[in-house]
Amino acid sequence: MGQITTAHGIGVVVDGATSIHNRTFCRCFELRSVTSKTSVRWQEAFAWSDKQKSITAQGLVETIVSSAFYGCTISSFKIPRSVVFFGKNPFSNRTCLKEIDVLENLNFVFVDGVLIDKGMTQIINCDPSKKGDYSILITVAAIGNGAFTKCSSLTSIALPESVKEIGYGALAFCHCLVQ
């Protein structure tokens, strides 16, 4: 069994846990960092934490999946070097996220408001404030679940023939799309 310790509501150290599941840190408004000493998977861990502005993942977080930050108001997130996989869009139903810092992580890139895997084959997340037209790179084969959710100011997305998979809800609530 893992141990969770807090430091005056500012940080949490998760020791021994292998998964952090649904709403574990829901509405932990003062929480700023989560540190794991063992390999851990996040799934809806911060859902509906709507007063946090940033979260720093430290330690051995390897997988962030399934709406980990669903409904959060964080404006920036730093992906630690330990993350090797995003399953489903961890940032779905977010409207304030403007920056995803991938400087320490060689597995992903953040280009023009879009989070993509290093091989540029899968789109994981798009900044919901993106406007106008967007052309998907010809290297992209998959658009992840909820990748463009709530990108309500995009008017068109050009899909190259290389795209073979479009995930569940990938274009949900894109009200202004005309083509």
Foldseek 3Di string as FASTA:
>chain_A
DWDWDDDVLAEIETEPEAEQEAQLPELSQNYAEYEYQDEHEAANPHANNANHAEYEYYHQDAEYEHQVHANYAHQEYEDAQNHQYYAAANPANYQRHQYYHCPRHQQWDQDPQWIAGNQLAETRAGHLCDAEEAERDLNHQEYGHCRNANVQRYQEYHDDPNHDYYYHNSNHNNNNHPD
